[in-house]
Protein backbone atom coordinates (compact mmCIF):
# COMPACT_ATOMS: atom_id res chain seq x y z
CA UNK A 1 142.59 112.62 98.94
CA UNK A 2 140.40 110.86 96.23
CA UNK A 3 138.35 112.86 94.19
CA UNK A 4 135.29 110.87 94.30
CA UNK A 5 134.05 107.86 96.25
CA UNK A 6 131.31 105.42 93.82
CA UNK A 7 129.56 103.82 96.24
CA UNK A 8 127.51 100.15 94.98
CA UNK A 9 125.37 98.52 97.56
CA UNK A 10 124.58 95.73 96.44
CA UNK A 11 121.76 92.96 96.76
CA UNK A 12 122.02 89.89 94.13
CA UNK A 13 120.63 91.11 90.70
CA UNK A 14 124.23 90.22 88.97
CA UNK A 15 122.98 90.87 85.53
CA UNK A 16 121.88 94.15 86.19
CA UNK A 17 125.15 94.64 88.69
CA UNK A 18 127.47 93.89 85.85
CA UNK A 19 125.84 96.74 83.40
CA UNK A 20 126.45 98.93 86.39
CA UNK A 21 130.19 97.84 87.04
CA UNK A 22 131.09 97.68 83.30
CA UNK A 23 129.61 101.79 82.74
CA UNK A 24 131.82 102.55 85.96
CA UNK A 25 135.20 100.70 84.03
CA UNK A 26 134.42 102.85 80.56
CA UNK A 27 134.35 106.32 82.97
CA UNK A 28 136.86 108.89 81.19
CA UNK A 29 137.07 110.85 85.00
CA UNK A 30 139.48 107.98 86.78
CA UNK A 31 140.32 109.90 90.29
CA UNK A 32 137.53 107.49 91.86
CA UNK A 33 137.07 104.65 94.14
CA UNK A 34 134.82 102.01 94.32
CA UNK A 35 132.98 100.34 97.03
CA UNK A 36 130.80 97.35 97.10
CA UNK A 37 128.91 96.85 100.13
CA UNK A 38 127.39 93.32 99.74
CA UNK A 39 124.10 92.17 101.25
CA UNK A 40 123.95 88.95 98.78
CA UNK A 41 123.07 85.73 100.83
CA UNK A 42 125.79 83.74 98.34
CA UNK A 43 128.71 84.85 96.60
CA UNK A 44 126.97 85.47 93.22
CA UNK A 45 128.37 89.35 93.82
CA UNK A 46 131.62 88.69 95.23
CA UNK A 47 132.48 86.39 91.73
CA UNK A 48 130.96 89.13 89.38
CA UNK A 49 133.35 91.69 90.85
CA UNK A 50 135.85 89.88 90.50
CA UNK A 51 135.49 89.63 86.72
CA UNK A 52 136.62 93.45 86.43
CA UNK A 53 140.10 95.10 87.18
CA UNK A 54 139.80 98.05 89.17
CA UNK A 55 142.99 97.18 90.43
CA UNK A 56 143.38 99.03 93.93
CA UNK A 57 140.55 101.47 93.34
CA UNK A 58 138.20 98.82 94.61
CA UNK A 59 136.61 97.80 97.73
CA UNK A 60 134.40 95.02 98.37
CA UNK A 61 132.92 93.89 101.25
CA UNK A 62 130.47 91.38 102.04
CA UNK A 63 127.99 92.04 105.23
CA UNK A 64 128.08 89.16 107.86
CA UNK A 65 124.22 89.72 108.05
CA UNK A 66 121.84 91.88 105.48
CA UNK A 67 121.50 95.05 106.73
CA UNK A 68 118.74 95.90 104.06
CA UNK A 69 118.43 99.11 102.67
CA UNK A 70 119.30 101.93 103.26
CA UNK A 71 121.48 100.82 106.01
CA UNK A 72 123.23 99.17 103.29
CA UNK A 73 123.48 102.35 101.82
CA UNK A 74 124.84 103.93 104.74
CA UNK A 75 127.25 101.42 104.93
CA UNK A 76 129.14 101.77 101.61
CA UNK A 77 129.07 105.70 102.64
CA UNK A 78 130.47 104.98 105.82
CA UNK A 79 133.83 103.52 104.18
CA UNK A 80 134.13 106.26 101.40
CA UNK A 81 137.59 108.46 101.68
CA UNK A 82 136.52 110.88 98.68
CA UNK A 83 135.98 114.19 98.66
CA UNK A 84 132.68 113.86 96.88
CA UNK A 85 130.53 111.25 97.34
CA UNK A 86 128.38 109.25 94.40
CA UNK A 87 125.44 106.62 95.22
CA UNK A 88 125.29 104.09 92.53
CA UNK A 89 122.92 101.45 93.16
CA UNK A 90 123.46 98.08 91.87
CA UNK A 91 121.01 97.87 89.15
CA UNK A 92 121.73 101.59 87.77
CA UNK A 93 124.48 102.70 85.18
CA UNK A 94 126.46 105.92 84.13
CA UNK A 95 124.53 106.89 80.83
CA UNK A 96 127.81 107.26 78.87
CA UNK A 97 131.84 107.64 79.72
CA UNK A 98 131.76 111.20 80.46
CA UNK A 99 128.81 111.04 83.16
CA UNK A 100 131.17 110.44 86.13
CA UNK A 101 133.20 113.86 84.76
CA UNK A 102 130.09 115.57 84.21
CA UNK A 103 129.02 114.61 87.98
CA UNK A 104 132.11 116.13 89.31
CA UNK A 105 131.69 119.05 87.06
CA UNK A 106 128.50 120.47 88.78
CA UNK A 107 130.40 120.35 92.41
CA UNK A 108 133.60 122.33 91.03
CA UNK A 109 131.95 124.74 88.95
CA UNK A 110 129.41 125.49 92.04
CA UNK A 111 131.55 125.56 95.43
CA UNK A 112 128.74 126.95 97.07
CA UNK A 113 126.79 124.03 96.38
CA UNK A 114 126.67 120.75 98.52
CA UNK A 115 124.40 118.67 97.02
CA UNK A 116 123.76 118.31 93.22
CA UNK A 117 121.75 115.63 90.62
CA UNK A 118 120.90 115.05 86.93
CA UNK A 119 118.20 114.17 84.68
CA UNK A 120 117.54 110.22 84.29
CA UNK A 121 116.88 107.85 81.40
CA UNK A 122 114.23 105.55 82.87
CA UNK A 123 113.90 102.35 81.12
CA UNK A 124 111.11 100.24 81.31
CA UNK A 125 112.66 96.39 81.85
CA UNK A 126 108.62 95.36 80.35
CA UNK A 127 108.03 97.19 77.17
CA UNK A 128 111.76 98.30 76.23
CA UNK A 129 110.40 102.02 76.39
CA UNK A 130 112.23 104.61 77.89
CA UNK A 131 111.31 108.63 79.22
CA UNK A 132 113.26 111.22 80.07
CA UNK A 133 113.10 112.02 83.87
CA UNK A 134 114.50 116.12 84.31
CA UNK A 135 113.18 119.10 86.59
CA UNK A 136 112.21 121.90 84.84
CA UNK A 137 113.77 125.55 85.54
CA UNK A 138 110.60 126.62 87.50
CA UNK A 139 110.71 123.41 89.31
CA UNK A 140 114.62 123.82 90.44
CA UNK A 141 114.20 127.66 91.27
CA UNK A 142 110.96 126.73 93.89
CA UNK A 143 113.03 123.87 95.42
CA UNK A 144 115.68 126.19 96.42
CA UNK A 145 112.85 128.35 98.32
CA UNK A 146 110.96 125.60 99.97
CA UNK A 147 113.02 121.90 99.50
CA UNK A 148 109.78 120.45 101.69
CA UNK A 149 107.77 120.32 98.36
CA UNK A 150 109.49 117.04 97.38
CA UNK A 151 107.28 115.91 99.68
CA UNK A 152 104.47 116.81 97.03
CA UNK A 153 106.34 114.51 94.28
CA UNK A 154 110.02 113.77 93.27
CA UNK A 155 111.45 116.14 90.96
CA UNK A 156 114.98 115.20 91.63
CA UNK A 157 115.05 111.37 90.53
CA UNK A 158 116.65 108.55 92.17
CA UNK A 159 119.50 108.53 94.82
CA UNK A 160 122.06 107.05 91.83
CA UNK A 161 121.15 110.74 90.26
CA UNK A 162 123.22 112.54 92.43
CA UNK A 163 126.60 113.48 94.44
CA UNK A 164 127.47 115.30 97.43
CA UNK A 165 130.21 116.64 99.28
CA UNK A 166 131.46 114.51 102.10
CA UNK A 167 131.20 117.84 104.19
CA UNK A 168 127.45 117.32 103.62
CA UNK A 169 127.68 114.27 106.49
CA UNK A 170 124.34 112.83 106.53
CA UNK A 171 123.14 109.73 106.55
CA UNK A 172 119.49 107.76 104.86
CA UNK A 173 117.05 107.36 107.66
CA UNK A 174 116.95 103.83 108.06
CA UNK A 175 113.39 103.68 109.42
CA UNK A 176 112.47 104.21 105.67
CA UNK A 177 112.58 102.68 102.46
CA UNK A 178 110.31 103.97 100.10
CA UNK A 179 110.13 107.48 100.80
CA UNK A 180 113.81 107.54 101.96
CA UNK A 181 115.38 109.41 98.90
CA UNK A 182 113.51 112.42 99.55
CA UNK A 183 113.73 112.66 102.66
CA UNK A 184 117.68 112.86 102.12
CA UNK A 185 117.26 115.39 99.21
CA UNK A 186 114.97 117.75 102.14
CA UNK A 187 117.44 117.47 104.60
CA UNK A 188 120.54 117.86 102.54
CA UNK A 189 118.93 121.34 101.23
CA UNK A 190 117.75 122.47 104.33
CA UNK A 191 121.16 122.34 105.25
CA UNK A 192 122.16 124.33 102.36
CA UNK A 193 119.59 125.70 99.73
CA UNK A 194 122.30 125.91 96.70
CA UNK A 195 122.40 123.03 94.52
CA UNK A 196 123.40 122.32 91.11
CA UNK A 197 121.78 120.12 88.59
CA UNK A 198 121.87 119.62 84.94
CA UNK A 199 118.98 118.10 83.04
CA UNK A 200 121.03 115.92 80.89
CA UNK A 201 120.36 112.41 81.74
CA UNK A 202 123.45 110.96 83.13
CA UNK A 203 122.10 107.97 84.83
CA UNK A 204 119.99 105.25 83.19
CA UNK A 205 117.50 103.44 85.86
CA UNK A 206 115.13 100.66 85.53
CA UNK A 207 111.79 100.79 86.37
CA UNK A 208 108.83 97.97 86.58
CA UNK A 209 111.67 95.08 88.19
CA UNK A 210 110.29 92.90 90.04
CA UNK A 211 113.31 93.14 92.80
CA UNK A 212 112.61 97.10 93.24
CA UNK A 213 111.50 98.65 95.72
CA UNK A 214 109.17 100.22 94.03
CA UNK A 215 107.20 97.07 93.16
CA UNK A 216 107.65 95.58 96.42
CA UNK A 217 105.57 98.35 98.30
CA UNK A 218 103.40 99.32 95.68
CA UNK A 219 99.93 99.72 97.20
CA UNK A 220 101.32 98.38 100.71
CA UNK A 221 99.57 100.66 103.09
CA UNK A 222 101.65 100.38 106.22
CA UNK A 223 104.88 101.58 104.26
CA UNK A 224 102.35 104.10 102.41
CA UNK A 225 101.43 105.98 104.96
CA UNK A 226 103.89 105.00 107.99
CA UNK A 227 106.64 106.39 105.61
CA UNK A 228 104.79 109.64 105.04
CA UNK A 229 103.87 110.03 108.47
CA UNK A 230 107.48 109.84 109.52
CA UNK A 231 108.28 112.20 106.46
CA UNK A 232 105.74 115.01 107.00
CA UNK A 233 106.17 115.34 111.09
CA UNK A 234 109.38 116.77 109.52
CA UNK A 235 107.70 118.84 107.32
CA UNK A 236 104.70 120.17 109.33
CA UNK A 237 105.84 123.92 109.57
CA UNK A 238 106.50 124.54 105.90
CA UNK A 239 103.67 122.26 105.00
CA UNK A 240 100.89 122.40 107.49
CA UNK A 241 98.43 125.26 105.47
CA UNK A 242 99.88 123.71 101.98
CA UNK A 243 96.99 122.41 99.98
CA UNK A 244 98.86 120.42 97.65
CA UNK A 245 100.19 118.27 101.02
CA UNK A 246 97.05 118.26 101.62
CA UNK A 247 95.60 116.41 98.67
CA UNK A 248 98.40 114.17 99.09
CA UNK A 249 97.05 113.35 102.30
CA UNK A 250 93.45 113.24 100.98
CA UNK A 251 94.38 111.14 98.47
CA UNK A 252 95.81 108.32 100.79
CA UNK A 253 93.40 108.21 103.38
CA UNK A 254 90.50 107.59 100.61
CA UNK A 255 92.74 105.41 98.71
CA UNK A 256 93.31 102.98 101.76
CA UNK A 257 89.98 104.20 103.34
CA UNK A 258 91.58 105.66 106.98
CA UNK A 259 88.24 107.22 107.95
CA UNK A 260 89.29 109.43 110.90
CA UNK A 261 92.54 110.71 112.72
CA UNK A 262 92.21 108.03 115.02
CA UNK A 263 93.05 105.22 112.35
CA UNK A 264 96.45 106.99 111.92
CA UNK A 265 98.27 105.45 114.90
CA UNK A 266 97.89 102.15 113.60
CA UNK A 267 100.30 102.80 110.78
CA UNK A 268 102.56 104.75 113.38
CA UNK A 269 103.76 107.43 115.32
CA UNK A 270 101.03 110.10 115.43
CA UNK A 271 102.22 113.09 117.79
CA UNK A 272 99.89 115.72 118.91
CA UNK A 273 101.28 118.26 116.11
CA UNK A 274 99.76 115.62 113.61
CA UNK A 275 96.82 114.83 115.43
CA UNK A 276 96.09 118.54 115.48
CA UNK A 277 96.51 119.05 111.90
CA UNK A 278 94.19 115.58 110.67
CA UNK A 279 91.53 116.17 113.20
CA UNK A 280 91.33 119.78 110.73
CA UNK A 281 91.86 118.10 107.52
CA UNK A 282 88.89 115.46 108.44
CA UNK A 283 86.68 118.50 108.76
CA UNK A 284 87.54 119.82 104.93
CA UNK A 285 84.43 118.96 102.46
CA UNK A 286 86.61 116.47 100.42
CA UNK A 287 86.86 114.03 103.50
CA UNK A 288 83.20 114.93 105.60
CA UNK A 289 81.32 113.17 102.90
CA UNK A 290 84.35 110.33 103.29
CA UNK A 291 83.27 110.27 107.07
CA UNK A 292 79.39 109.99 106.36
CA UNK A 293 79.83 106.92 104.36
CA UNK A 294 81.13 105.22 106.84
CA UNK A 295 78.59 106.56 109.57
CA UNK A 296 75.77 105.13 106.43
CA UNK A 297 77.65 101.87 106.88
CA UNK A 298 77.64 101.08 110.10
CA UNK A 299 73.90 101.79 110.58
CA UNK A 300 72.87 99.74 107.66
CA UNK A 301 75.35 97.01 109.64
CA UNK A 302 73.18 97.78 113.09
CA UNK A 303 69.75 97.38 111.41
CA UNK A 304 69.69 93.65 110.94
CA UNK A 305 70.82 93.58 114.45
CA UNK A 306 68.55 95.72 115.78
CA UNK A 307 65.88 93.93 113.59
CA UNK A 308 66.79 90.73 114.91
CA UNK A 309 66.74 92.02 118.48
CA UNK A 310 63.36 93.49 117.85
CA UNK A 311 61.83 89.97 116.99
CA UNK A 312 63.42 88.40 119.30
CA UNK A 313 61.53 90.39 122.17
CA UNK A 314 57.97 90.34 120.53
CA UNK A 315 58.71 86.77 119.91
CA UNK A 316 59.55 86.51 124.15
CA UNK A 317 57.26 88.22 125.08
CA UNK A 318 54.18 86.11 122.93
CA UNK A 319 55.85 83.66 124.73
CA UNK A 320 55.40 85.06 127.86
CA UNK A 321 51.85 86.30 127.44
CA UNK A 322 51.01 82.27 126.36
CA UNK A 323 52.44 80.91 129.35
CA UNK A 324 50.68 83.25 131.75
CA UNK A 325 47.16 82.83 130.50
CA UNK A 326 47.44 79.12 130.38
CA UNK A 327 48.87 79.50 134.34
CA UNK A 328 45.26 81.19 134.73
CA UNK A 329 43.39 79.12 132.84
CA UNK A 330 44.69 76.49 135.17
CA UNK A 331 44.44 78.37 138.19
CA UNK A 332 40.52 78.99 137.43
CA UNK A 333 40.02 76.07 136.43
CA UNK A 334 41.03 74.36 139.84
CA UNK A 335 39.39 76.94 141.17
CA UNK A 336 36.17 75.99 139.94
CA UNK A 337 36.05 72.24 140.52
CA UNK A 338 37.07 73.09 144.50
CA UNK A 339 33.37 74.50 144.49
CA UNK A 340 30.49 72.76 145.78
CA UNK A 341 28.43 71.81 143.11
CA UNK A 342 25.31 74.87 144.01
CA UNK A 343 27.71 77.02 143.40
CA UNK A 344 29.02 75.92 140.39
CA UNK A 345 25.48 75.90 139.10
CA UNK A 346 25.73 79.22 139.72
CA UNK A 347 29.04 80.07 138.18
CA UNK A 348 27.12 78.39 134.69
CA UNK A 349 24.04 80.87 135.28
CA UNK A 350 25.94 83.78 135.55
CA UNK A 351 28.31 82.72 132.72
CA UNK A 352 24.84 82.02 130.89
CA UNK A 353 23.45 85.40 131.02
CA UNK A 354 26.57 87.58 130.39
CA UNK A 355 27.13 85.53 127.72
CA UNK A 356 23.38 86.41 126.32
CA UNK A 357 21.96 89.51 128.73
CA UNK A 358 18.38 89.03 127.08
């Protein structure tokens, strides 16, 4: 059996992919196969793959229809035959020639672990700067106790920084694309709390690239809140009393101006348990003023309508009064002229005496 399957889900961006494949070709560790699952609408990726000589270790598959992420990731993993499975995204690459061997050693040296990961060099494609993303010892110890804490922040890194045993037998959740990696990591660590890691950056990944999912879904409420609901429900038992999880939700709800628990159903399924959680959350001091802002805004919006209705009613009342008075005057006039002349003289005398009682 091949030791490790390097699974490369590809979609255009051949300049990034060229660097990815070049980094695989230079690896010192050679017991691998490489699988390229191509979602591209043209043959650019296929032609690029043809530039490299991986011999019979390479399998290229062009999907008849684009699967999208993460289904394309799952398609690549499904073709893998290695003992270890290594996702390597088409815009990421190994940081040096010894990186793959280090990944394999993480699992070889920790037979109880099903999941391992490394640090990452994150390169900004806009300004050329870079940073070292790595987990701290404290975070690693905490992660083994409660993997659900990843909901509050990704201390592991990108999927390309991970390697798993085939026996883990997990797919990425196809309902997600923004939090899909966190969901996978949590489920992997729920299966087996033992994991291996190195803080050394074995992978280099870009950031601020226009094609990245991070950029495509930035400030997208439907994705941001919708996927958070899916992931949070899976972790609800562990996180429902966690103040850090509450803080994450408070920030999200205020960011996207979701002013009541009832509004959340527009972003995805809200179970009875989730509804109960958010009903309580909206009673916290951080969200109560937020709700009152909505009430004040509603009152301000209603005031003009109330005023308009009131003025309209008063106007109708005045008009009705004028009509009634005019009808009364006309009726009295008709009655006056219908009287015999003697009675009319008496009427005028009575009116004069009422006006001038002296």
